[in-house]
Structure formats: C-alpha cells, structure tokens
Amino acid sequence: MPGTKEIRMKIRSVQNTRKITKAMEMVAASKMRKAQDRMRMARPYGEKIRNVAAHISHANPEYRHPFVVERDTVKRVGAIVVTTDKGLCGALNTNLLRLTLTQYKQWQAEGEEIDVCCIGGKGLGFMQRVGANIVSQVTALGDRPHMERLIGALKVMLDGYGSDQFDRVMMFYTRFVNTMKQEPVMEQLLPLSGERLGAPEGSWDYIYEPEAKGVLDQVLTRYIEALTYQAVAENMASEQSARMVAMKAASDNAETLIDELTLIYNKNRQAGITKELSEIVGGAAAV
C-alpha cells in the first residue's frame, strides 16, 4: 500500500488536472453557444439557395447542368472528410472516421478509386495513415469557419467532377442534433440528387441574363459551397458540444478519484496513528 506522501502527491496531481478540465469545460461551453448561433444563422441561406437551385433545375429543361446529371457508372469517387483540428472531444472524430473507413473499404472492394479532400487536421492525419490519395486539404480553421479558406480545396473537387475525374462526390461530417447528441453522416454532394434539391411547389421560370448556362454554373456552385460551409459549421458546433461533455465527464471522474484517494489517505493516516499509539502503550507497559 502506498504511503501517505505518495497519496498526497496523487491527490494534488488529480486536483491540478481537474482545474484544467474544468476550465476547458467552461471555455467549450462559451464557444459552443457561439458555434450553435453561427450554425443556425447559416441554415436560412442554405434553405433559400436550395429552393432557388431546385426551381432553376426544373424550370430549364433544355439545359441540364452536369451537377444534376447522374453518371451511368461510378469508377472514381471523391470524398470530402470534415473533422476537427484538435482532440479532447470524446468519440466525435472516432465515430466519423470509423464510418469513413468502412465506406472507403467498401468502395475499394467494388473496384472504385478514391480521392480525398480533408478539412481538419484529425481527418488529414488519419487518411495519411490509411494511405489514401489526398488531393486537397484545409487545416487550422480556428473556431469560426471562413468560406475563403474552404473554396480552394472545394474547387479541386468541383473541377474534378466537372472534368469527369470523379463520377460521384461524397461528404462525411458530424451533424449537430443537440448538445448531448451528434451523429456522423455521409451525404452525396454530387451529383445533386432529387432528395437533396427537393421538388419545388408549382412551376417557376426565370429570365436568364446573359444565358441559362452561366446562371446555373454560378448558382449551383454557390449551392455546393453553401452545403460545405453548413457541414463545417455543424461539425464545429458538434465539436464544442462534445468537448464540453467530455471535459465535464473528466472533471466528475477526477472529483470521484480525489474522494477515493482522500479516503485511502485518511485510512493510512489513521492506521499509522493507531500503530504509534500501540507502540507507546506497549513500551510503557514494558517499563
């Protein structure tokens, strides 16, 4: 059994760790509210541009944009993996990367080639260890997503799809459900499926200037960028929520451990005092 000095050092060490985890919990709670606000503020724009893209895709049948045309066969897949740059957020990245790896192996078994775009340092490191072909990457995004940081990596995937380098583009990210629940999801980014665009109510038509092709190129590109931005915002909100929950659990575990160590320390100290008293009484009796 360890001595009282070793137990005191362990208690002091756990107390210091608990101070750190408690501070990180409070910081994550503050960032979580801001991240959730940004995520909710991005949703109306994404919904509105989705409606516009749906109407445009149905209103101009003489020109079908490549982004909405299904390919007959899929030989090469582009995957966008959205993860965090930092750890200490529970199983958030683990669950997402497990889903990504399962789908990655399934594509390989079907004979499809995969090119990967990594958004976030954790996903980049994992895909490098797996040996994936990484064509673009974005790291160190900070606590606030910036569209100008994402456009470069995303353009590589869009250009690859437009030049028939990819037959399909998938996106993996963590969707924010609530503070206690975040779920990893895989969504098809390109080609834009009917479920993604939805069926517009009624039939709208537009006057295009200068032509339908140029307008569709701009609108659908902005739509894909909005989807990616929304996915990154959802992932950041999920990151802060998961980190707050993980740090709260760590703080609670540290407090429990301190209580257990304090009990052991008191028992050791009491046993030592009892032993000393017994020795004094025994010595007095011998005299």
Protein backbone atom coordinates (compact mmCIF):
# COMPACT_ATOMS: atom_id res chain seq x y z
CA MET A 1 0.00 0.00 0.00
CA PRO A 2 1.46 3.43 -0.91
CA GLY A 3 2.49 5.79 1.86
CA THR A 4 0.74 8.97 2.81
CA LYS A 5 3.24 11.13 0.93
CA GLU A 6 2.62 9.32 -2.36
CA ILE A 7 -1.14 9.57 -1.85
CA ARG A 8 -0.90 13.33 -1.15
CA MET A 9 1.09 13.77 -4.38
CA LYS A 10 -1.53 11.82 -6.34
CA ILE A 11 -4.36 13.90 -4.84
CA ARG A 12 -2.53 17.12 -5.71
CA SER A 13 -1.90 15.89 -9.26
CA VAL A 14 -5.56 14.95 -9.82
CA GLN A 15 -6.67 18.30 -8.36
CA ASN A 16 -4.47 20.15 -10.84
CA THR A 17 -5.86 18.04 -13.69
CA ARG A 18 -9.40 18.77 -12.55
CA LYS A 19 -8.70 22.52 -12.65
CA ILE A 20 -7.60 22.17 -16.27
CA THR A 21 -10.59 20.08 -17.35
CA LYS A 22 -13.00 22.42 -15.54
CA ALA A 23 -11.51 25.43 -17.30
CA MET A 24 -11.71 23.66 -20.67
CA GLU A 25 -15.32 22.75 -19.96
CA MET A 26 -16.21 26.40 -19.33
CA VAL A 27 -14.36 27.57 -22.46
CA ALA A 28 -16.06 24.90 -24.59
CA ALA A 29 -19.48 25.91 -23.20
CA SER A 30 -18.85 29.52 -24.20
CA LYS A 31 -17.63 28.57 -27.69
CA MET A 32 -20.49 26.09 -28.09
CA ARG A 33 -23.13 28.80 -27.85
CA LYS A 34 -21.37 30.91 -30.46
CA ALA A 35 -20.86 27.93 -32.77
CA GLN A 36 -24.53 26.97 -32.49
CA ASP A 37 -25.58 30.53 -33.29
CA ARG A 38 -23.37 30.55 -36.41
CA MET A 39 -24.75 27.19 -37.48
CA ARG A 40 -28.37 28.33 -37.09
CA MET A 41 -27.67 31.61 -38.87
CA ALA A 42 -26.29 29.70 -41.87
CA ARG A 43 -29.36 27.50 -42.23
CA PRO A 44 -31.79 30.09 -43.74
CA TYR A 45 -29.32 30.94 -46.53
CA GLY A 46 -28.78 27.25 -47.28
CA GLU A 47 -32.53 26.63 -47.37
CA LYS A 48 -33.18 29.61 -49.65
CA ILE A 49 -30.45 28.79 -52.15
CA ARG A 50 -31.66 25.16 -52.14
CA ASN A 51 -35.13 26.37 -53.20
CA VAL A 52 -33.66 28.56 -55.92
CA ALA A 53 -31.47 25.73 -57.22
CA ALA A 54 -34.46 23.36 -57.24
CA HIS A 55 -36.61 25.79 -59.22
CA ILE A 56 -33.83 26.54 -61.70
CA SER A 57 -33.06 22.84 -62.26
CA HIS A 58 -36.74 22.12 -63.01
CA ALA A 59 -37.50 25.31 -64.92
CA ASN A 60 -34.92 24.98 -67.70
CA PRO A 61 -35.18 21.50 -69.24
CA GLU A 62 -33.26 22.41 -72.42
CA TYR A 63 -30.01 22.65 -70.44
CA ARG A 64 -29.05 20.06 -67.84
CA HIS A 65 -26.18 21.14 -65.65
CA PRO A 66 -23.50 18.44 -65.07
CA PHE A 67 -24.03 18.74 -61.32
CA VAL A 68 -27.58 17.33 -61.61
CA VAL A 69 -26.90 14.58 -64.18
CA GLU A 70 -26.44 11.06 -62.81
CA ARG A 71 -23.49 9.09 -64.18
CA ASP A 72 -24.15 5.63 -65.63
CA THR A 73 -21.17 4.00 -63.91
CA VAL A 74 -19.07 5.03 -60.93
CA LYS A 75 -15.36 4.31 -61.32
CA ARG A 76 -13.86 7.06 -59.17
CA VAL A 77 -15.21 8.70 -56.04
CA GLY A 78 -14.23 11.98 -54.42
CA ALA A 79 -14.65 12.07 -50.65
CA ILE A 80 -14.70 15.23 -48.52
CA VAL A 81 -13.94 14.37 -44.88
CA VAL A 82 -14.75 17.09 -42.32
CA THR A 83 -13.16 16.60 -38.89
CA THR A 84 -11.75 18.76 -36.11
CA ASP A 85 -8.24 20.18 -35.81
CA LYS A 86 -7.99 19.48 -32.08
CA GLY A 87 -8.74 16.49 -29.89
CA LEU A 88 -10.24 16.13 -26.40
CA CYS A 89 -13.76 15.98 -27.81
CA GLY A 90 -14.73 12.44 -26.90
CA ALA A 91 -15.52 9.96 -29.65
CA LEU A 92 -16.58 12.64 -32.16
CA ASN A 93 -13.77 12.08 -34.67
CA THR A 94 -13.52 8.36 -33.94
CA ASN A 95 -17.14 7.72 -34.92
CA LEU A 96 -16.86 9.76 -38.10
CA LEU A 97 -13.56 8.20 -39.20
CA ARG A 98 -14.91 4.73 -38.47
CA LEU A 99 -17.82 5.44 -40.84
CA THR A 100 -15.41 6.86 -43.42
CA LEU A 101 -13.07 3.88 -43.23
CA THR A 102 -15.94 1.39 -43.57
CA GLN A 103 -17.21 3.13 -46.71
CA TYR A 104 -13.65 3.54 -48.00
CA LYS A 105 -13.03 -0.20 -47.80
CA GLN A 106 -16.39 -0.93 -49.41
CA TRP A 107 -15.54 1.30 -52.38
CA GLN A 108 -12.18 -0.40 -52.71
CA ALA A 109 -13.85 -3.83 -52.67
CA GLU A 110 -16.12 -2.68 -55.51
CA GLY A 111 -13.10 -1.64 -57.58
CA GLU A 112 -13.66 2.11 -57.26
CA GLU A 113 -10.76 4.53 -56.84
CA ILE A 114 -10.99 7.20 -54.13
CA ASP A 115 -9.56 10.70 -53.94
CA VAL A 116 -9.90 12.50 -50.63
CA CYS A 117 -10.27 16.15 -49.60
CA CYS A 118 -9.54 16.62 -45.89
CA ILE A 119 -10.98 19.50 -43.89
CA GLY A 120 -9.47 19.33 -40.40
CA GLY A 121 -6.18 18.05 -39.03
CA LYS A 122 -7.52 14.86 -37.43
CA GLY A 123 -9.01 13.60 -40.66
CA LEU A 124 -5.87 14.53 -42.60
CA GLY A 125 -3.63 12.56 -40.26
CA PHE A 126 -5.94 9.55 -40.34
CA MET A 127 -6.27 9.43 -44.13
CA GLN A 128 -2.50 9.75 -44.48
CA ARG A 129 -2.03 6.74 -42.20
CA VAL A 130 -4.60 4.81 -44.22
CA GLY A 131 -2.65 5.58 -47.40
CA ALA A 132 -5.44 7.46 -49.18
CA ASN A 133 -4.78 9.70 -52.18
CA ILE A 134 -5.26 13.20 -50.74
CA VAL A 135 -5.83 15.78 -53.48
CA SER A 136 -6.60 18.83 -51.31
CA GLN A 137 -6.65 19.80 -47.66
CA VAL A 138 -7.56 22.59 -45.25
CA THR A 139 -6.38 22.71 -41.65
CA ALA A 140 -6.19 25.23 -38.80
CA LEU A 141 -9.65 26.68 -39.46
CA GLY A 142 -9.93 28.01 -35.92
CA ASP A 143 -13.24 28.38 -34.10
CA ARG A 144 -15.03 30.19 -36.93
CA PRO A 145 -15.43 28.79 -40.47
CA HIS A 146 -14.34 31.12 -43.28
CA MET A 147 -15.62 30.47 -46.78
CA GLU A 148 -12.48 31.84 -48.41
CA ARG A 149 -10.43 29.15 -46.63
CA LEU A 150 -12.69 26.38 -47.93
CA ILE A 151 -13.14 27.48 -51.53
CA GLY A 152 -9.68 26.37 -52.72
CA ALA A 153 -9.94 22.78 -51.50
CA LEU A 154 -13.57 22.54 -52.60
CA LYS A 155 -12.78 23.87 -56.09
CA VAL A 156 -10.39 20.96 -56.64
CA MET A 157 -13.29 18.54 -56.10
CA LEU A 158 -15.75 20.54 -58.24
CA ASP A 159 -13.27 20.86 -61.10
CA GLY A 160 -12.51 17.16 -60.85
CA TYR A 161 -16.20 16.33 -61.13
CA GLY A 162 -16.70 18.77 -64.00
CA SER A 163 -13.78 17.24 -65.92
CA ASP A 164 -15.10 13.68 -65.34
CA GLN A 165 -12.25 12.87 -62.97
CA PHE A 166 -14.88 11.92 -60.36
CA ASP A 167 -18.18 10.21 -61.02
CA ARG A 168 -19.51 10.99 -57.57
CA VAL A 169 -18.55 13.28 -54.66
CA MET A 170 -19.47 12.27 -51.11
CA MET A 171 -19.14 14.29 -47.92
CA PHE A 172 -18.57 12.96 -44.39
CA TYR A 173 -19.21 15.21 -41.41
CA THR A 174 -20.80 15.21 -37.95
CA ARG A 175 -24.32 16.59 -37.84
CA PHE A 176 -25.36 18.54 -34.75
CA VAL A 177 -28.56 17.18 -33.21
CA ASN A 178 -28.39 18.64 -29.72
CA THR A 179 -25.82 19.27 -27.00
CA MET A 180 -25.74 15.62 -25.96
CA LYS A 181 -26.06 14.01 -29.39
CA GLN A 182 -24.01 14.39 -32.55
CA GLU A 183 -24.24 11.86 -35.36
CA PRO A 184 -21.73 11.09 -38.16
CA VAL A 185 -23.35 11.23 -41.58
CA MET A 186 -22.42 10.53 -45.19
CA GLU A 187 -24.18 12.57 -47.84
CA GLN A 188 -23.93 12.65 -51.61
CA LEU A 189 -22.73 16.08 -52.66
CA LEU A 190 -22.53 15.47 -56.42
CA PRO A 191 -24.48 14.73 -58.49
CA LEU A 192 -27.23 16.64 -56.73
CA SER A 193 -29.95 14.10 -56.08
CA GLY A 194 -33.65 14.79 -56.14
CA GLU A 195 -33.83 14.29 -52.39
CA ARG A 196 -31.17 16.94 -51.88
CA LEU A 197 -32.76 19.59 -54.12
CA GLY A 198 -36.36 18.59 -53.47
CA ALA A 199 -39.37 19.11 -55.72
CA PRO A 200 -40.45 22.75 -55.92
CA GLU A 201 -44.09 23.63 -55.27
CA GLY A 202 -45.55 24.84 -58.53
CA SER A 203 -43.63 25.67 -61.67
CA TRP A 204 -41.39 28.70 -61.75
CA ASP A 205 -39.42 30.07 -64.63
CA TYR A 206 -36.72 32.70 -64.84
CA ILE A 207 -35.39 35.22 -67.29
CA TYR A 208 -31.69 34.47 -67.65
CA GLU A 209 -29.10 37.13 -68.36
CA PRO A 210 -26.92 36.54 -70.24
CA GLU A 211 -27.81 32.82 -70.61
CA ALA A 212 -29.06 29.86 -68.61
CA LYS A 213 -25.72 28.06 -68.60
CA GLY A 214 -23.84 30.89 -66.92
CA VAL A 215 -26.56 31.41 -64.31
CA LEU A 216 -26.77 27.69 -63.48
CA ASP A 217 -22.98 27.42 -63.20
CA GLN A 218 -22.92 30.23 -60.64
CA VAL A 219 -26.00 29.24 -58.64
CA LEU A 220 -25.18 25.53 -58.33
CA THR A 221 -21.56 26.30 -57.46
CA ARG A 222 -22.73 28.68 -54.72
CA TYR A 223 -25.14 25.98 -53.59
CA ILE A 224 -22.38 23.39 -53.21
CA GLU A 225 -20.25 25.93 -51.34
CA ALA A 226 -23.19 26.66 -49.02
CA LEU A 227 -23.63 22.94 -48.33
CA THR A 228 -19.94 22.60 -47.47
CA TYR A 229 -19.96 25.68 -45.25
CA GLN A 230 -23.04 24.39 -43.44
CA ALA A 231 -21.36 20.99 -42.90
CA VAL A 232 -18.26 22.67 -41.43
CA ALA A 233 -20.44 24.85 -39.18
CA GLU A 234 -22.38 21.79 -37.99
CA ASN A 235 -19.12 19.97 -37.33
CA MET A 236 -17.73 22.88 -35.28
CA ALA A 237 -20.89 23.10 -33.18
CA SER A 238 -20.68 19.33 -32.62
CA GLU A 239 -17.00 19.66 -31.66
CA GLN A 240 -17.61 22.23 -28.93
CA SER A 241 -20.61 20.33 -27.56
CA ALA A 242 -18.70 17.06 -27.47
CA ARG A 243 -15.69 18.74 -25.85
CA MET A 244 -17.85 20.33 -23.15
CA VAL A 245 -19.47 16.97 -22.34
CA ALA A 246 -16.12 15.16 -22.37
CA MET A 247 -14.45 17.71 -20.10
CA LYS A 248 -17.41 17.65 -17.70
CA ALA A 249 -17.12 13.85 -17.50
CA ALA A 250 -13.38 14.18 -16.90
CA SER A 251 -13.95 16.72 -14.13
CA ASP A 252 -16.55 14.48 -12.47
CA ASN A 253 -14.23 11.47 -12.70
CA ALA A 254 -11.38 13.49 -11.19
CA GLU A 255 -13.60 14.55 -8.29
CA THR A 256 -14.58 10.92 -7.67
CA LEU A 257 -10.95 9.87 -7.78
CA ILE A 258 -9.99 12.62 -5.31
CA ASP A 259 -12.66 11.39 -2.89
CA GLU A 260 -11.39 7.82 -3.16
CA LEU A 261 -7.76 8.85 -2.67
CA THR A 262 -8.71 11.05 0.30
CA LEU A 263 -10.46 8.09 1.93
CA ILE A 264 -7.39 5.89 1.40
CA TYR A 265 -5.15 8.67 2.75
CA ASN A 266 -7.27 9.03 5.90
CA LYS A 267 -7.27 5.27 6.45
CA ASN A 268 -3.48 5.15 6.08
CA ARG A 269 -3.02 8.08 8.44
CA GLN A 270 -5.37 6.53 10.99
CA ALA A 271 -3.56 3.19 10.75
CA GLY A 272 -0.23 4.95 11.29
CA ILE A 273 -1.52 6.83 14.35
CA THR A 274 -3.00 3.63 15.80
CA LYS A 275 0.29 1.84 15.28
CA GLU A 276 2.25 4.60 17.03
CA LEU A 277 -0.18 4.61 19.97
CA SER A 278 0.12 0.85 20.26
CA GLU A 279 3.90 1.10 20.33
CA ILE A 280 3.77 3.82 23.04
CA VAL A 281 1.37 1.80 25.18
CA GLY A 282 3.42 -1.35 24.67
CA GLY A 283 6.64 0.47 25.66
CA ALA A 284 5.01 1.98 28.76
CA ALA A 285 3.71 -1.42 29.81
CA ALA A 286 7.17 -2.96 29.39
CA VAL A 287 8.71 -0.28 31.62
